[in-house]
Amino acid sequence: MVKYIIMLKAIILGLLQGITEFLPVSSSGHLLYVNNVLMKQVYDLPLLISAHAGTMLAVLVFFRNQVKRLILAVFQFKNPEYSYERKLWCYLIVASIPAGLAGFFLESRIDKISSIYILGVCWIINGLMLIIGEIMSKRKKESTINFLSALIIGIFQTIAILPGISRSGSTITAARNTGLNPEQAFEFSFLLGIIAIMGGFLLEIIKKPQGFTYPCLVSGIVAMISGYLALIVLLKAIRSNNLKFFGVYTILCGIIAILIQQI
């Protein structure tokens, strides 16, 4: 019986991480809510680390061509064919700095103040950001990524340190409102996300190394498959200007979380 419960937990965590890591609904928010309200003690660090590894593999596979070119740009530094990728490396580094600093200095403080009420408020903020950001982006003149837009996207990424604020939602919203088209915003957000996901994955392993079991493998595989499918869904939503539906969803989640906290 215990084995079945552990396996069920592995599948739930894998699905939860895979779907919510990439859709603009906040994976940290959903994990916090599920663990504290719906299914107490569903949080399991080895399973969660495996799920993070699964989502990392999903995004690497999805963007395999772009990642390959970025790697080649490092080793073929003088090759003019990879001039765009070399610039892109610079933009990704610039965009990563604000979140890196925020994570280093504020993560422990954020963990201490995290509560279902704060989660509810942040979910509502996330929803409003997606809805208003999508409306405003339609009025923006299209442009390409530059150092200023990369910095703005990076600053927006820092607010995702709060549970309930989506990393993909905040960066895509910022990217669209600096003039990037849907495909450019999607690509830059998740190439930047690879750095963030890898950083979080390594940090979890360093803080508390764990042994891996068969349920860990299941959690990772489920997260990878569901994460890949979530990326496909999100790209279609961005192309059709339908992020607002995710916004409505997180606003409803926020209202429910606040109401439950008051009971």
Protein backbone atom coordinates (compact mmCIF):
# COMPACT_ATOMS: atom_id res chain seq x y z
CA MET A 1 0.00 0.00 0.00
CA VAL A 2 2.79 2.41 0.91
CA LYS A 3 4.50 1.74 -2.44
CA TYR A 4 1.32 2.67 -4.33
CA ILE A 5 0.96 5.88 -2.32
CA ILE A 6 4.57 6.86 -3.07
CA MET A 7 4.05 6.10 -6.77
CA LEU A 8 0.84 8.15 -6.82
CA LYS A 9 2.71 11.01 -5.16
CA ALA A 10 5.44 10.73 -7.82
CA ILE A 11 2.89 10.96 -10.63
CA ILE A 12 1.04 13.89 -9.03
CA LEU A 13 4.25 15.85 -8.43
CA GLY A 14 5.47 15.08 -11.96
CA LEU A 15 2.22 16.26 -13.53
CA LEU A 16 2.00 19.30 -11.28
CA GLN A 17 5.59 20.35 -11.96
CA GLY A 18 5.47 19.58 -15.69
CA ILE A 19 2.26 21.48 -16.38
CA THR A 20 2.66 24.45 -14.05
CA GLU A 21 6.40 25.03 -14.60
CA PHE A 22 5.79 26.26 -18.15
CA LEU A 23 2.19 27.46 -18.24
CA PRO A 24 1.92 30.99 -16.75
CA VAL A 25 0.18 29.85 -13.56
CA SER A 26 3.13 29.52 -11.11
CA SER A 27 4.49 26.09 -10.28
CA SER A 28 5.71 27.22 -6.84
CA GLY A 29 2.23 28.53 -6.07
CA HIS A 30 0.52 25.29 -7.01
CA LEU A 31 3.03 23.21 -5.04
CA LEU A 32 2.54 25.41 -1.98
CA TYR A 33 -1.26 25.23 -2.28
CA VAL A 34 -1.43 21.48 -2.86
CA ASN A 35 0.99 20.76 -0.03
CA ASN A 36 -0.75 23.00 2.51
CA VAL A 37 -4.42 22.70 1.58
CA LEU A 38 -5.30 19.77 -0.67
CA MET A 39 -2.80 17.01 0.09
CA LYS A 40 -0.63 17.61 3.11
CA GLN A 41 2.90 16.20 2.89
CA VAL A 42 2.73 15.68 -0.89
CA TYR A 43 6.00 17.63 -0.98
CA ASP A 44 8.87 15.18 -1.35
CA LEU A 45 12.30 16.65 -2.12
CA PRO A 46 13.79 13.71 -4.07
CA LEU A 47 10.64 13.46 -6.20
CA LEU A 48 10.58 17.23 -6.70
CA ILE A 49 14.23 17.30 -7.76
CA SER A 50 13.47 14.53 -10.26
CA ALA A 51 10.46 16.46 -11.55
CA HIS A 52 12.66 19.54 -12.00
CA ALA A 53 15.12 17.41 -13.97
CA GLY A 54 12.23 16.23 -16.14
CA THR A 55 11.08 19.76 -16.95
CA MET A 56 14.67 20.78 -17.66
CA LEU A 57 14.96 17.94 -20.19
CA ALA A 58 11.61 18.92 -21.72
CA VAL A 59 12.71 22.49 -22.43
CA LEU A 60 16.12 21.34 -23.70
CA VAL A 61 14.46 18.94 -26.14
CA PHE A 62 11.86 21.51 -27.22
CA PHE A 63 14.52 24.15 -27.94
CA ARG A 64 17.20 21.67 -29.04
CA ASN A 65 18.05 23.54 -32.26
CA GLN A 66 18.42 26.90 -30.52
CA VAL A 67 20.43 25.35 -27.67
CA LYS A 68 22.70 23.59 -30.17
CA ARG A 69 23.41 26.87 -31.97
CA LEU A 70 24.09 28.65 -28.67
CA ILE A 71 26.61 25.97 -27.71
CA LEU A 72 28.28 26.08 -31.12
CA ALA A 73 28.51 29.87 -30.86
CA VAL A 74 30.73 29.45 -27.80
CA PHE A 75 33.16 27.10 -29.53
CA GLN A 76 33.11 28.87 -32.90
CA PHE A 77 33.54 32.35 -31.57
CA LYS A 78 34.84 33.90 -34.79
CA ASN A 79 32.33 32.22 -37.10
CA PRO A 80 30.00 34.97 -38.46
CA GLU A 81 27.22 32.39 -38.85
CA TYR A 82 26.70 32.52 -35.07
CA SER A 83 26.86 36.29 -34.57
CA TYR A 84 23.20 36.43 -33.50
CA GLU A 85 23.72 33.64 -30.96
CA ARG A 86 26.73 35.45 -29.46
CA LYS A 87 24.58 38.55 -28.99
CA LEU A 88 21.83 36.37 -27.57
CA TRP A 89 24.27 34.99 -24.98
CA CYS A 90 24.95 38.55 -23.83
CA TYR A 91 21.24 39.34 -23.58
CA LEU A 92 20.57 36.13 -21.62
CA ILE A 93 23.37 36.94 -19.17
CA VAL A 94 22.06 40.50 -18.67
CA ALA A 95 18.51 39.19 -18.13
CA SER A 96 19.73 36.56 -15.63
CA ILE A 97 21.53 39.00 -13.32
CA PRO A 98 18.50 40.61 -11.57
CA ALA A 99 16.86 37.26 -10.73
CA GLY A 100 20.18 35.80 -9.63
CA LEU A 101 20.75 38.66 -7.20
CA ALA A 102 17.16 38.54 -5.94
CA GLY A 103 17.34 34.79 -5.40
CA PHE A 104 20.63 35.04 -3.54
CA PHE A 105 19.59 37.83 -1.18
CA LEU A 106 15.83 37.31 -0.78
CA GLU A 107 15.00 33.60 -1.16
CA SER A 108 15.24 32.76 2.56
CA ARG A 109 13.13 35.80 3.48
CA ILE A 110 10.47 34.94 0.89
CA ASP A 111 10.27 31.38 2.26
CA LYS A 112 9.59 32.76 5.75
CA ILE A 113 6.67 34.98 4.69
CA SER A 114 5.07 32.51 2.28
CA SER A 115 1.46 31.79 3.22
CA ILE A 116 -1.76 30.82 1.46
CA TYR A 117 -3.05 34.40 1.83
CA ILE A 118 0.06 35.88 0.19
CA LEU A 119 -0.16 33.18 -2.48
CA GLY A 120 -3.75 34.19 -3.20
CA VAL A 121 -2.82 37.86 -3.55
CA CYS A 122 0.11 37.00 -5.84
CA TRP A 123 -2.08 34.75 -7.99
CA ILE A 124 -4.48 37.67 -8.50
CA ILE A 125 -1.56 39.98 -9.37
CA ASN A 126 -0.28 37.36 -11.81
CA GLY A 127 -3.67 37.14 -13.50
CA LEU A 128 -4.00 40.91 -13.83
CA MET A 129 -0.46 41.09 -15.21
CA LEU A 130 -1.29 38.54 -17.92
CA ILE A 131 -4.58 40.18 -18.91
CA ILE A 132 -3.40 43.81 -18.87
CA GLY A 133 -0.02 42.89 -20.37
CA GLU A 134 -1.66 41.13 -23.31
CA ILE A 135 -3.93 44.11 -24.01
CA MET A 136 -1.01 46.56 -23.85
CA SER A 137 1.28 44.41 -26.02
CA LYS A 138 -1.10 44.75 -28.98
CA ARG A 139 -0.33 48.47 -29.10
CA LYS A 140 3.45 48.02 -29.09
CA LYS A 141 5.53 48.50 -32.21
CA GLU A 142 7.43 45.30 -33.03
CA SER A 143 11.19 45.35 -32.41
CA THR A 144 14.05 42.95 -31.71
CA ILE A 145 15.76 42.10 -28.44
CA ASN A 146 18.39 44.54 -27.14
CA PHE A 147 20.22 45.17 -23.87
CA LEU A 148 17.47 47.40 -22.44
CA SER A 149 14.67 44.96 -23.23
CA ALA A 150 16.78 42.08 -21.86
CA LEU A 151 17.26 44.00 -18.59
CA ILE A 152 13.52 44.77 -18.36
CA ILE A 153 12.67 41.10 -18.92
CA GLY A 154 15.22 40.15 -16.26
CA ILE A 155 13.71 42.59 -13.76
CA PHE A 156 10.25 41.15 -14.39
CA GLN A 157 11.66 37.68 -13.83
CA THR A 158 12.67 38.67 -10.29
CA ILE A 159 9.05 39.01 -9.15
CA ALA A 160 8.59 35.30 -9.89
CA ILE A 161 10.51 34.62 -6.67
CA LEU A 162 7.10 35.16 -5.03
CA PRO A 163 4.83 32.09 -4.93
CA GLY A 164 1.89 32.73 -7.24
CA ILE A 165 3.83 34.82 -9.76
CA SER A 166 4.69 32.86 -12.88
CA ARG A 167 8.23 33.09 -14.25
CA SER A 168 7.11 32.37 -17.80
CA GLY A 169 4.13 34.70 -17.47
CA SER A 170 6.18 37.63 -16.17
CA THR A 171 9.00 37.25 -18.71
CA ILE A 172 6.71 36.71 -21.71
CA THR A 173 4.55 39.68 -20.68
CA ALA A 174 7.66 41.86 -20.36
CA ALA A 175 9.08 40.60 -23.65
CA ARG A 176 5.85 41.27 -25.56
CA ASN A 177 5.65 44.77 -24.09
CA THR A 178 9.21 45.60 -25.15
CA GLY A 179 8.20 44.85 -28.74
CA LEU A 180 9.15 41.21 -29.25
CA ASN A 181 6.74 39.19 -31.38
CA PRO A 182 5.06 36.10 -29.84
CA GLU A 183 7.66 33.62 -31.10
CA GLN A 184 10.61 35.80 -30.02
CA ALA A 185 9.06 36.38 -26.58
CA PHE A 186 8.38 32.66 -26.13
CA GLU A 187 11.88 31.64 -27.22
CA PHE A 188 13.74 34.22 -25.13
CA SER A 189 11.63 33.50 -22.06
CA PHE A 190 12.42 29.80 -22.12
CA LEU A 191 16.06 30.07 -23.13
CA LEU A 192 16.31 32.33 -20.10
CA GLY A 193 14.25 29.76 -18.21
CA ILE A 194 16.81 27.03 -18.92
CA ILE A 195 19.32 29.01 -16.88
CA ALA A 196 16.78 29.53 -14.06
CA ILE A 197 15.63 25.90 -14.02
CA MET A 198 19.21 24.59 -14.06
CA GLY A 199 20.14 26.98 -11.27
CA GLY A 200 17.19 25.89 -9.12
CA PHE A 201 17.88 22.23 -9.84
CA LEU A 202 21.54 22.49 -8.83
CA LEU A 203 20.69 24.56 -5.75
CA GLU A 204 18.28 21.90 -4.51
CA ILE A 205 20.88 19.15 -4.98
CA ILE A 206 23.61 21.19 -3.25
CA LYS A 207 21.36 22.09 -0.30
CA LYS A 208 20.24 18.53 0.32
CA PRO A 209 21.68 15.70 -1.80
CA GLN A 210 19.23 12.82 -2.10
CA GLY A 211 19.20 9.23 -3.25
CA PHE A 212 17.05 8.47 -6.29
CA THR A 213 14.58 5.61 -6.57
CA TYR A 214 12.14 4.18 -9.11
CA PRO A 215 9.39 6.67 -8.09
CA CYS A 216 11.91 9.47 -8.76
CA LEU A 217 12.35 8.16 -12.30
CA VAL A 218 8.58 8.04 -12.77
CA SER A 219 8.22 11.60 -11.47
CA GLY A 220 10.91 12.82 -13.87
CA ILE A 221 9.41 11.08 -16.91
CA VAL A 222 5.88 12.32 -16.15
CA ALA A 223 7.22 15.88 -15.67
CA MET A 224 9.16 15.73 -18.95
CA ILE A 225 6.20 14.53 -21.03
CA SER A 226 3.64 16.85 -19.44
CA GLY A 227 6.11 19.74 -19.59
CA TYR A 228 6.74 19.23 -23.31
CA LEU A 229 2.98 19.19 -23.97
CA ALA A 230 2.56 22.33 -21.83
CA LEU A 231 5.13 24.14 -24.00
CA ILE A 232 3.13 23.28 -27.13
CA VAL A 233 -0.08 24.56 -25.51
CA LEU A 234 1.59 27.78 -24.33
CA LEU A 235 3.10 28.57 -27.74
CA LYS A 236 -0.34 28.23 -29.34
CA ALA A 237 -1.85 30.45 -26.64
CA ILE A 238 0.78 33.16 -27.19
CA ARG A 239 0.35 33.10 -30.97
CA SER A 240 -3.42 33.49 -30.63
CA ASN A 241 -3.23 36.11 -27.84
CA ASN A 242 -4.95 33.85 -25.33
CA LEU A 243 -2.79 34.32 -22.23
CA LYS A 244 -5.78 36.09 -20.70
CA PHE A 245 -7.43 32.73 -20.06
CA PHE A 246 -4.52 31.75 -17.83
CA GLY A 247 -4.92 35.16 -16.20
CA VAL A 248 -8.58 34.48 -15.41
CA TYR A 249 -7.62 31.06 -14.04
CA THR A 250 -4.99 32.43 -11.62
CA ILE A 251 -7.32 35.22 -10.47
CA LEU A 252 -9.94 32.58 -9.61
CA CYS A 253 -7.26 30.50 -7.86
CA GLY A 254 -6.25 33.56 -5.87
CA ILE A 255 -9.80 34.37 -4.80
CA ILE A 256 -10.41 30.75 -3.75
CA ALA A 257 -7.12 30.64 -1.81
CA ILE A 258 -7.97 33.85 0.08
CA LEU A 259 -11.51 32.68 0.86
CA ILE A 260 -10.30 29.30 2.12
CA GLN A 261 -7.74 31.06 4.32
CA GLN A 262 -10.55 33.10 5.90
CA ILE A 263 -12.59 30.00 6.81
